[in-house]
PDB file of all heavy atoms in Angstrom:
ATOM      1  N   TYR A   1       3.983   2.825  -2.664  1.00  0.00           N
ATOM      2  CA  TYR A   1       5.071   3.761  -2.784  1.00  0.00           C
ATOM      3  C   TYR A   1       6.114   3.333  -3.849  1.00  0.00           C
ATOM      4  O   TYR A   1       6.335   2.148  -3.979  1.00  0.00           O
ATOM      5  CB  TYR A   1       5.779   3.937  -1.398  1.00  0.00           C
ATOM      6  CG  TYR A   1       4.950   4.510  -0.304  1.00  0.00           C
ATOM      7  CD1 TYR A   1       3.977   3.675   0.343  1.00  0.00           C
ATOM      8  CD2 TYR A   1       5.025   5.834   0.050  1.00  0.00           C
ATOM      9  CE1 TYR A   1       3.234   4.215   1.358  1.00  0.00           C
ATOM     10  CE2 TYR A   1       4.181   6.356   1.026  1.00  0.00           C
ATOM     11  CZ  TYR A   1       3.326   5.521   1.722  1.00  0.00           C
ATOM     12  OH  TYR A   1       2.534   6.097   2.690  1.00  0.00           O
ATOM     13  N   ASP A   2       6.689   4.290  -4.454  1.00  0.00           N
ATOM     14  CA  ASP A   2       7.699   3.952  -5.462  1.00  0.00           C
ATOM     15  C   ASP A   2       9.052   3.872  -4.776  1.00  0.00           C
ATOM     16  O   ASP A   2       9.218   3.987  -3.552  1.00  0.00           O
ATOM     17  CB  ASP A   2       7.764   4.971  -6.602  1.00  0.00           C
ATOM     18  CG  ASP A   2       8.208   6.355  -6.192  1.00  0.00           C
ATOM     19  OD1 ASP A   2       8.673   6.523  -5.065  1.00  0.00           O
ATOM     20  OD2 ASP A   2       8.040   7.292  -7.016  1.00  0.00           O
ATOM     21  N   ALA A   3      10.110   3.610  -5.559  1.00  0.00           N
ATOM     22  CA  ALA A   3      11.462   3.375  -5.023  1.00  0.00           C
ATOM     23  C   ALA A   3      12.056   4.590  -4.355  1.00  0.00           C
ATOM     24  O   ALA A   3      12.963   4.500  -3.521  1.00  0.00           O
ATOM     25  CB  ALA A   3      12.396   2.912  -6.117  1.00  0.00           C
ATOM     26  N   LEU A   4      11.469   5.785  -4.561  1.00  0.00           N
ATOM     27  CA  LEU A   4      11.943   7.005  -3.931  1.00  0.00           C
ATOM     28  C   LEU A   4      11.140   7.294  -2.658  1.00  0.00           C
ATOM     29  O   LEU A   4      11.347   8.342  -2.071  1.00  0.00           O
ATOM     30  CB  LEU A   4      11.913   8.163  -4.909  1.00  0.00           C
ATOM     31  CG  LEU A   4      12.795   8.043  -6.129  1.00  0.00           C
ATOM     32  CD1 LEU A   4      12.582   9.243  -7.072  1.00  0.00           C
ATOM     33  CD2 LEU A   4      14.246   7.927  -5.717  1.00  0.00           C
ATOM     34  N   GLY A   5      10.211   6.467  -2.312  1.00  0.00           N
ATOM     35  CA  GLY A   5       9.364   6.676  -1.114  1.00  0.00           C
ATOM     36  C   GLY A   5       8.184   7.566  -1.352  1.00  0.00           C
ATOM     37  O   GLY A   5       7.523   7.993  -0.404  1.00  0.00           O
ATOM     38  N   ARG A   6       7.849   7.825  -2.582  1.00  0.00           N
ATOM     39  CA  ARG A   6       6.683   8.723  -2.928  1.00  0.00           C
ATOM     40  C   ARG A   6       5.428   7.908  -2.994  1.00  0.00           C
ATOM     41  O   ARG A   6       5.418   6.800  -3.622  1.00  0.00           O
ATOM     42  CB  ARG A   6       6.937   9.441  -4.270  1.00  0.00           C
ATOM     43  CG  ARG A   6       8.175  10.369  -4.221  1.00  0.00           C
ATOM     44  CD  ARG A   6       8.385  10.916  -5.599  1.00  0.00           C
ATOM     45  NE  ARG A   6       8.737   9.861  -6.542  1.00  0.00           N
ATOM     46  CZ  ARG A   6       9.255  10.144  -7.777  1.00  0.00           C
ATOM     47  NH1 ARG A   6       9.557  11.403  -8.129  1.00  0.00           N
ATOM     48  NH2 ARG A   6       9.497   9.126  -8.581  1.00  0.00           N
ATOM     49  N   ARG A   7       4.350   8.390  -2.430  1.00  0.00           N
ATOM     50  CA  ARG A   7       3.083   7.678  -2.519  1.00  0.00           C
ATOM     51  C   ARG A   7       2.505   7.847  -3.900  1.00  0.00           C
ATOM     52  O   ARG A   7       2.351   8.957  -4.415  1.00  0.00           O
ATOM     53  CB  ARG A   7       2.077   8.212  -1.481  1.00  0.00           C
ATOM     54  CG  ARG A   7       0.804   7.417  -1.394  1.00  0.00           C
ATOM     55  CD  ARG A   7      -0.077   7.925  -0.178  1.00  0.00           C
ATOM     56  NE  ARG A   7      -0.656   9.216  -0.520  1.00  0.00           N
ATOM     57  CZ  ARG A   7      -1.876   9.333  -1.122  1.00  0.00           C
ATOM     58  NH1 ARG A   7      -2.591   8.277  -1.430  1.00  0.00           N
ATOM     59  NH2 ARG A   7      -2.340  10.532  -1.376  1.00  0.00           N
ATOM     60  N   VAL A   8       2.209   6.714  -4.521  1.00  0.00           N
ATOM     61  CA  VAL A   8       1.783   6.723  -5.927  1.00  0.00           C
ATOM     62  C   VAL A   8       0.357   6.250  -6.165  1.00  0.00           C
ATOM     63  O   VAL A   8      -0.274   6.444  -7.180  1.00  0.00           O
ATOM     64  CB  VAL A   8       2.738   5.966  -6.868  1.00  0.00           C
ATOM     65  CG1 VAL A   8       4.079   6.601  -6.849  1.00  0.00           C
ATOM     66  CG2 VAL A   8       2.852   4.500  -6.405  1.00  0.00           C
ATOM     67  N   ALA A   9      -0.187   5.564  -5.106  1.00  0.00           N
ATOM     68  CA  ALA A   9      -1.583   5.029  -5.237  1.00  0.00           C
ATOM     69  C   ALA A   9      -2.180   4.706  -3.855  1.00  0.00           C
ATOM     70  O   ALA A   9      -1.443   4.384  -2.947  1.00  0.00           O
ATOM     71  CB  ALA A   9      -1.559   3.706  -6.089  1.00  0.00           C
ATOM     72  N   SER A  10      -3.472   4.838  -3.780  1.00  0.00           N
ATOM     73  CA  SER A  10      -4.184   4.434  -2.593  1.00  0.00           C
ATOM     74  C   SER A  10      -5.058   3.222  -2.954  1.00  0.00           C
ATOM     75  O   SER A  10      -5.852   3.296  -3.847  1.00  0.00           O
ATOM     76  CB  SER A  10      -5.109   5.593  -2.052  1.00  0.00           C
ATOM     77  OG  SER A  10      -5.886   5.104  -1.006  1.00  0.00           O
ATOM     78  N   LEU A  11      -4.801   2.152  -2.235  1.00  0.00           N
ATOM     79  CA  LEU A  11      -5.568   0.874  -2.465  1.00  0.00           C
ATOM     80  C   LEU A  11      -6.865   0.824  -1.570  1.00  0.00           C
ATOM     81  O   LEU A  11      -7.816   0.170  -1.955  1.00  0.00           O
ATOM     82  CB  LEU A  11      -4.698  -0.333  -2.206  1.00  0.00           C
ATOM     83  CG  LEU A  11      -3.697  -0.711  -3.304  1.00  0.00           C
ATOM     84  CD1 LEU A  11      -2.650   0.376  -3.444  1.00  0.00           C
ATOM     85  CD2 LEU A  11      -3.014  -2.020  -3.007  1.00  0.00           C
ATOM     86  N   HIS A  12      -6.735   1.417  -0.397  1.00  0.00           N
ATOM     87  CA  HIS A  12      -7.908   1.516   0.457  1.00  0.00           C
ATOM     88  C   HIS A  12      -7.635   2.485   1.578  1.00  0.00           C
ATOM     89  O   HIS A  12      -6.524   2.634   2.035  1.00  0.00           O
ATOM     90  CB  HIS A  12      -8.234   0.129   1.108  1.00  0.00           C
ATOM     91  CG  HIS A  12      -9.487   0.112   1.917  1.00  0.00           C
ATOM     92  ND1 HIS A  12     -10.714  -0.036   1.463  1.00  0.00           N
ATOM     93  CD2 HIS A  12      -9.640   0.312   3.309  1.00  0.00           C
ATOM     94  CE1 HIS A  12     -11.625   0.023   2.440  1.00  0.00           C
ATOM     95  NE2 HIS A  12     -10.941   0.231   3.521  1.00  0.00           N
ATOM     96  N   ASP A  13      -8.700   3.243   1.997  1.00  0.00           N
ATOM     97  CA  ASP A  13      -8.568   4.122   3.152  1.00  0.00           C
ATOM     98  C   ASP A  13      -9.926   4.208   3.827  1.00  0.00           C
ATOM     99  O   ASP A  13     -10.783   5.036   3.368  1.00  0.00           O
ATOM    100  CB  ASP A  13      -8.079   5.501   2.705  1.00  0.00           C
ATOM    101  CG  ASP A  13      -7.735   6.411   3.890  1.00  0.00           C
ATOM    102  OD1 ASP A  13      -7.894   5.955   5.052  1.00  0.00           O
ATOM    103  OD2 ASP A  13      -7.246   7.565   3.628  1.00  0.00           O
ATOM    104  N   GLY A  14     -10.139   3.403   4.842  1.00  0.00           N
ATOM    105  CA  GLY A  14     -11.431   3.396   5.506  1.00  0.00           C
ATOM    106  C   GLY A  14     -11.586   2.138   6.321  1.00  0.00           C
ATOM    107  O   GLY A  14     -10.694   1.342   6.491  1.00  0.00           O
ATOM    108  N   PRO A  15     -12.833   2.003   6.885  1.00  0.00           N
ATOM    109  CA  PRO A  15     -13.026   0.811   7.783  1.00  0.00           C
ATOM    110  C   PRO A  15     -13.137  -0.469   7.018  1.00  0.00           C
ATOM    111  O   PRO A  15     -13.570  -0.501   5.855  1.00  0.00           O
ATOM    112  CB  PRO A  15     -14.374   1.215   8.428  1.00  0.00           C
ATOM    113  CG  PRO A  15     -15.035   2.099   7.478  1.00  0.00           C
ATOM    114  CD  PRO A  15     -13.945   2.901   6.881  1.00  0.00           C
ATOM    115  N   LEU A  16     -12.699  -1.582   7.689  1.00  0.00           N
ATOM    116  CA  LEU A  16     -12.860  -2.896   7.094  1.00  0.00           C
ATOM    117  C   LEU A  16     -13.227  -3.832   8.281  1.00  0.00           C
ATOM    118  O   LEU A  16     -12.825  -3.655   9.368  1.00  0.00           O
ATOM    119  CB  LEU A  16     -11.529  -3.386   6.514  1.00  0.00           C
ATOM    120  CG  LEU A  16     -11.108  -2.804   5.168  1.00  0.00           C
ATOM    121  CD1 LEU A  16      -9.707  -3.367   4.770  1.00  0.00           C
ATOM    122  CD2 LEU A  16     -12.113  -3.151   4.043  1.00  0.00           C
ATOM    123  N   GLY A  17     -14.029  -4.811   7.961  1.00  0.00           N
ATOM    124  CA  GLY A  17     -14.446  -5.766   8.998  1.00  0.00           C
ATOM    125  C   GLY A  17     -13.435  -6.872   9.186  1.00  0.00           C
ATOM    126  O   GLY A  17     -12.436  -7.052   8.464  1.00  0.00           O
ATOM    127  N   ALA A  18     -13.610  -7.680  10.245  1.00  0.00           N
ATOM    128  CA  ALA A  18     -12.815  -8.837  10.453  1.00  0.00           C
ATOM    129  C   ALA A  18     -12.891  -9.834   9.325  1.00  0.00           C
ATOM    130  O   ALA A  18     -13.973 -10.019   8.748  1.00  0.00           O
ATOM    131  CB  ALA A  18     -13.165  -9.454  11.810  1.00  0.00           C
ATOM    132  N   GLY A  19     -11.735 -10.468   9.005  1.00  0.00           N
ATOM    133  CA  GLY A  19     -11.764 -11.403   7.940  1.00  0.00           C
ATOM    134  C   GLY A  19     -10.754 -11.098   6.867  1.00  0.00           C
ATOM    135  O   GLY A  19      -9.789 -10.390   7.159  1.00  0.00           O
ATOM    136  N   THR A  20     -10.973 -11.593   5.605  1.00  0.00           N
ATOM    137  CA  THR A  20      -9.965 -11.332   4.597  1.00  0.00           C
ATOM    138  C   THR A  20     -10.527 -10.361   3.579  1.00  0.00           C
ATOM    139  O   THR A  20     -11.726 -10.312   3.313  1.00  0.00           O
ATOM    140  CB  THR A  20      -9.604 -12.717   3.881  1.00  0.00           C
ATOM    141  OG1 THR A  20     -10.792 -13.292   3.284  1.00  0.00           O
ATOM    142  CG2 THR A  20      -8.974 -13.694   4.843  1.00  0.00           C
ATOM    143  N   HIS A  21      -9.584  -9.590   3.003  1.00  0.00           N
ATOM    144  CA  HIS A  21      -9.989  -8.549   2.043  1.00  0.00           C
ATOM    145  C   HIS A  21      -9.004  -8.545   0.913  1.00  0.00           C
ATOM    146  O   HIS A  21      -7.741  -8.682   1.091  1.00  0.00           O
ATOM    147  CB  HIS A  21     -10.013  -7.178   2.742  1.00  0.00           C
ATOM    148  CG  HIS A  21     -10.895  -7.180   3.980  1.00  0.00           C
ATOM    149  ND1 HIS A  21     -12.223  -6.909   3.877  1.00  0.00           N
ATOM    150  CD2 HIS A  21     -10.594  -7.413   5.271  1.00  0.00           C
ATOM    151  CE1 HIS A  21     -12.771  -6.976   5.124  1.00  0.00           C
ATOM    152  NE2 HIS A  21     -11.745  -7.297   5.970  1.00  0.00           N
ATOM    153  N   ARG A  22      -9.490  -8.198  -0.322  1.00  0.00           N
ATOM    154  CA  ARG A  22      -8.707  -8.246  -1.503  1.00  0.00           C
ATOM    155  C   ARG A  22      -8.226  -6.776  -1.750  1.00  0.00           C
ATOM    156  O   ARG A  22      -8.951  -5.802  -1.786  1.00  0.00           O
ATOM    157  CB  ARG A  22      -9.511  -8.666  -2.648  1.00  0.00           C
ATOM    158  CG  ARG A  22      -8.846  -8.778  -4.023  1.00  0.00           C
ATOM    159  CD  ARG A  22      -9.878  -9.146  -5.041  1.00  0.00           C
ATOM    160  NE  ARG A  22      -9.369  -9.118  -6.434  1.00  0.00           N
ATOM    161  CZ  ARG A  22      -8.981 -10.176  -7.063  1.00  0.00           C
ATOM    162  NH1 ARG A  22      -9.033 -11.374  -6.461  1.00  0.00           N
ATOM    163  NH2 ARG A  22      -8.536 -10.094  -8.289  1.00  0.00           N
ATOM    164  N   LEU A  23      -6.876  -6.623  -1.901  1.00  0.00           N
ATOM    165  CA  LEU A  23      -6.322  -5.354  -2.311  1.00  0.00           C
ATOM    166  C   LEU A  23      -5.674  -5.455  -3.651  1.00  0.00           C
ATOM    167  O   LEU A  23      -4.934  -6.423  -3.871  1.00  0.00           O
ATOM    168  CB  LEU A  23      -5.233  -4.930  -1.237  1.00  0.00           C
ATOM    169  CG  LEU A  23      -5.663  -4.741   0.203  1.00  0.00           C
ATOM    170  CD1 LEU A  23      -4.496  -4.491   1.065  1.00  0.00           C
ATOM    171  CD2 LEU A  23      -6.716  -3.650   0.310  1.00  0.00           C
ATOM    172  N   THR A  24      -5.960  -4.538  -4.558  1.00  0.00           N
ATOM    173  CA  THR A  24      -5.492  -4.614  -5.886  1.00  0.00           C
ATOM    174  C   THR A  24      -4.647  -3.368  -6.266  1.00  0.00           C
ATOM    175  O   THR A  24      -5.051  -2.241  -6.100  1.00  0.00           O
ATOM    176  CB  THR A  24      -6.651  -4.720  -6.918  1.00  0.00           C
ATOM    177  OG1 THR A  24      -7.447  -5.831  -6.610  1.00  0.00           O
ATOM    178  CG2 THR A  24      -6.146  -4.872  -8.333  1.00  0.00           C
ATOM    179  N   LEU A  25      -3.436  -3.663  -6.686  1.00  0.00           N
ATOM    180  CA  LEU A  25      -2.589  -2.581  -7.242  1.00  0.00           C
ATOM    181  C   LEU A  25      -2.620  -2.622  -8.742  1.00  0.00           C
ATOM    182  O   LEU A  25      -2.337  -3.601  -9.426  1.00  0.00           O
ATOM    183  CB  LEU A  25      -1.105  -2.851  -6.820  1.00  0.00           C
ATOM    184  CG  LEU A  25      -0.083  -1.808  -7.345  1.00  0.00           C
ATOM    185  CD1 LEU A  25      -0.319  -0.439  -6.799  1.00  0.00           C
ATOM    186  CD2 LEU A  25       1.363  -2.278  -7.047  1.00  0.00           C
ATOM    187  N   ASP A  26      -3.144  -1.463  -9.335  1.00  0.00           N
ATOM    188  CA  ASP A  26      -3.335  -1.416 -10.778  1.00  0.00           C
ATOM    189  C   ASP A  26      -2.057  -1.049 -11.446  1.00  0.00           C
ATOM    190  O   ASP A  26      -1.566   0.076 -11.484  1.00  0.00           O
ATOM    191  CB  ASP A  26      -4.398  -0.302 -11.074  1.00  0.00           C
ATOM    192  CG  ASP A  26      -4.694  -0.197 -12.551  1.00  0.00           C
ATOM    193  OD1 ASP A  26      -4.162  -1.008 -13.296  1.00  0.00           O
ATOM    194  OD2 ASP A  26      -5.434   0.724 -12.891  1.00  0.00           O
ATOM    195  N   GLY A  27      -1.389  -2.109 -11.978  1.00  0.00           N
ATOM    196  CA  GLY A  27      -0.117  -1.914 -12.648  1.00  0.00           C
ATOM    197  C   GLY A  27      -0.194  -1.152 -13.901  1.00  0.00           C
ATOM    198  O   GLY A  27       0.819  -0.522 -14.335  1.00  0.00           O
ATOM    199  N   GLU A  28      -1.359  -1.154 -14.521  1.00  0.00           N
ATOM    200  CA  GLU A  28      -1.484  -0.408 -15.816  1.00  0.00           C
ATOM    201  C   GLU A  28      -1.302   1.071 -15.623  1.00  0.00           C
ATOM    202  O   GLU A  28      -0.890   1.786 -16.537  1.00  0.00           O
ATOM    203  CB  GLU A  28      -2.877  -0.708 -16.417  1.00  0.00           C
ATOM    204  CG  GLU A  28      -3.123  -2.147 -16.731  1.00  0.00           C
ATOM    205  CD  GLU A  28      -2.321  -2.623 -17.999  1.00  0.00           C
ATOM    206  OE1 GLU A  28      -1.807  -1.699 -18.688  1.00  0.00           O
ATOM    207  OE2 GLU A  28      -2.206  -3.799 -18.204  1.00  0.00           O
ATOM    208  N   ALA A  29      -1.603   1.612 -14.396  1.00  0.00           N
ATOM    209  CA  ALA A  29      -1.557   3.009 -14.133  1.00  0.00           C
ATOM    210  C   ALA A  29      -0.158   3.456 -13.700  1.00  0.00           C
ATOM    211  O   ALA A  29       0.011   4.674 -13.445  1.00  0.00           O
ATOM    212  CB  ALA A  29      -2.576   3.396 -13.078  1.00  0.00           C
ATOM    213  N   LEU A  30       0.829   2.537 -13.551  1.00  0.00           N
ATOM    214  CA  LEU A  30       2.101   2.862 -12.997  1.00  0.00           C
ATOM    215  C   LEU A  30       3.229   2.491 -14.003  1.00  0.00           C
ATOM    216  O   LEU A  30       3.028   1.541 -14.788  1.00  0.00           O
ATOM    217  CB  LEU A  30       2.334   2.146 -11.667  1.00  0.00           C
ATOM    218  CG  LEU A  30       1.368   2.534 -10.519  1.00  0.00           C
ATOM    219  CD1 LEU A  30       1.522   1.574  -9.391  1.00  0.00           C
ATOM    220  CD2 LEU A  30       1.562   3.951 -10.096  1.00  0.00           C
ATOM    221  N   ALA A  31       4.304   3.203 -13.946  1.00  0.00           N
ATOM    222  CA  ALA A  31       5.477   2.872 -14.731  1.00  0.00           C
ATOM    223  C   ALA A  31       6.127   1.541 -14.228  1.00  0.00           C
ATOM    224  O   ALA A  31       5.990   1.198 -13.075  1.00  0.00           O
ATOM    225  CB  ALA A  31       6.480   4.007 -14.709  1.00  0.00           C
ATOM    226  N   PRO A  32       6.815   0.835 -15.079  1.00  0.00           N
ATOM    227  CA  PRO A  32       7.526  -0.331 -14.650  1.00  0.00           C
ATOM    228  C   PRO A  32       8.501  -0.009 -13.580  1.00  0.00           C
ATOM    229  O   PRO A  32       9.097   1.073 -13.562  1.00  0.00           O
ATOM    230  CB  PRO A  32       8.273  -0.816 -15.937  1.00  0.00           C
ATOM    231  CG  PRO A  32       7.522  -0.212 -17.092  1.00  0.00           C
ATOM    232  CD  PRO A  32       6.986   1.111 -16.540  1.00  0.00           C
ATOM    233  N   GLY A  33       8.678  -0.868 -12.665  1.00  0.00           N
ATOM    234  CA  GLY A  33       9.651  -0.711 -11.521  1.00  0.00           C
ATOM    235  C   GLY A  33       9.200  -1.450 -10.267  1.00  0.00           C
ATOM    236  O   GLY A  33       8.306  -2.346 -10.357  1.00  0.00           O
ATOM    237  N   VAL A  34       9.832  -1.170  -9.202  1.00  0.00           N
ATOM    238  CA  VAL A  34       9.599  -1.860  -7.941  1.00  0.00           C
ATOM    239  C   VAL A  34       8.806  -0.950  -7.031  1.00  0.00           C
ATOM    240  O   VAL A  34       9.178   0.280  -6.813  1.00  0.00           O
ATOM    241  CB  VAL A  34      10.914  -2.281  -7.252  1.00  0.00           C
ATOM    242  CG1 VAL A  34      10.665  -2.970  -5.921  1.00  0.00           C
ATOM    243  CG2 VAL A  34      11.745  -3.183  -8.150  1.00  0.00           C
ATOM    244  N   TYR A  35       7.726  -1.445  -6.385  1.00  0.00           N
ATOM    245  CA  TYR A  35       6.871  -0.660  -5.537  1.00  0.00           C
ATOM    246  C   TYR A  35       6.678  -1.410  -4.238  1.00  0.00           C
ATOM    247  O   TYR A  35       6.819  -2.630  -4.144  1.00  0.00           O
ATOM    248  CB  TYR A  35       5.512  -0.442  -6.215  1.00  0.00           C
ATOM    249  CG  TYR A  35       5.589   0.380  -7.457  1.00  0.00           C
ATOM    250  CD1 TYR A  35       5.898  -0.204  -8.668  1.00  0.00           C
ATOM    251  CD2 TYR A  35       5.441   1.774  -7.436  1.00  0.00           C
ATOM    252  CE1 TYR A  35       5.976   0.540  -9.835  1.00  0.00           C
ATOM    253  CE2 TYR A  35       5.528   2.519  -8.573  1.00  0.00           C
ATOM    254  CZ  TYR A  35       5.847   1.927  -9.770  1.00  0.00           C
ATOM    255  OH  TYR A  35       5.962   2.675 -10.928  1.00  0.00           O
ATOM    256  N   VAL A  36       6.343  -0.620  -3.195  1.00  0.00           N
ATOM    257  CA  VAL A  36       6.029  -1.232  -1.872  1.00  0.00           C
ATOM    258  C   VAL A  36       4.576  -0.918  -1.601  1.00  0.00           C
ATOM    259  O   VAL A  36       4.158   0.268  -1.656  1.00  0.00           O
ATOM    260  CB  VAL A  36       6.929  -0.598  -0.749  1.00  0.00           C
ATOM    261  CG1 VAL A  36       6.420  -1.039   0.618  1.00  0.00           C
ATOM    262  CG2 VAL A  36       8.329  -0.992  -0.957  1.00  0.00           C
ATOM    263  N   VAL A  37       3.804  -1.926  -1.226  1.00  0.00           N
ATOM    264  CA  VAL A  37       2.417  -1.746  -0.765  1.00  0.00           C
ATOM    265  C   VAL A  37       2.511  -1.828   0.722  1.00  0.00           C
ATOM    266  O   VAL A  37       2.942  -2.851   1.290  1.00  0.00           O
ATOM    267  CB  VAL A  37       1.496  -2.891  -1.323  1.00  0.00           C
ATOM    268  CG1 VAL A  37       0.138  -2.774  -0.677  1.00  0.00           C
ATOM    269  CG2 VAL A  37       1.394  -2.766  -2.850  1.00  0.00           C
ATOM    270  N   ARG A  38       2.047  -0.776   1.384  1.00  0.00           N
ATOM    271  CA  ARG A  38       2.124  -0.746   2.861  1.00  0.00           C
ATOM    272  C   ARG A  38       0.686  -0.595   3.452  1.00  0.00           C
ATOM    273  O   ARG A  38      -0.069   0.261   2.972  1.00  0.00           O
ATOM    274  CB  ARG A  38       2.958   0.453   3.313  1.00  0.00           C
ATOM    275  CG  ARG A  38       3.051   0.578   4.839  1.00  0.00           C
ATOM    276  CD  ARG A  38       3.890   1.743   5.272  1.00  0.00           C
ATOM    277  NE  ARG A  38       5.285   1.600   4.808  1.00  0.00           N
ATOM    278  CZ  ARG A  38       5.943   2.488   4.090  1.00  0.00           C
ATOM    279  NH1 ARG A  38       5.295   3.623   3.740  1.00  0.00           N
ATOM    280  NH2 ARG A  38       7.139   2.291   3.672  1.00  0.00           N
ATOM    281  N   VAL A  39       0.369  -1.393   4.394  1.00  0.00           N
ATOM    282  CA  VAL A  39      -0.927  -1.348   5.105  1.00  0.00           C
ATOM    283  C   VAL A  39      -0.709  -0.958   6.515  1.00  0.00           C
ATOM    284  O   VAL A  39       0.136  -1.509   7.216  1.00  0.00           O
ATOM    285  CB  VAL A  39      -1.620  -2.796   5.069  1.00  0.00           C
ATOM    286  CG1 VAL A  39      -2.925  -2.703   5.829  1.00  0.00           C
ATOM    287  CG2 VAL A  39      -1.834  -3.215   3.619  1.00  0.00           C
TER     288      VAL A  39
END
């Protein structure tokens, strides 16, 4: 989400197994600024 609370990207939406998982935010596709990644 951007600073105005708008959803700007989906990093994952679906099932995941137990353990660790890598989530990547593609900064090249977004304008400079502050973002919140929410799971």
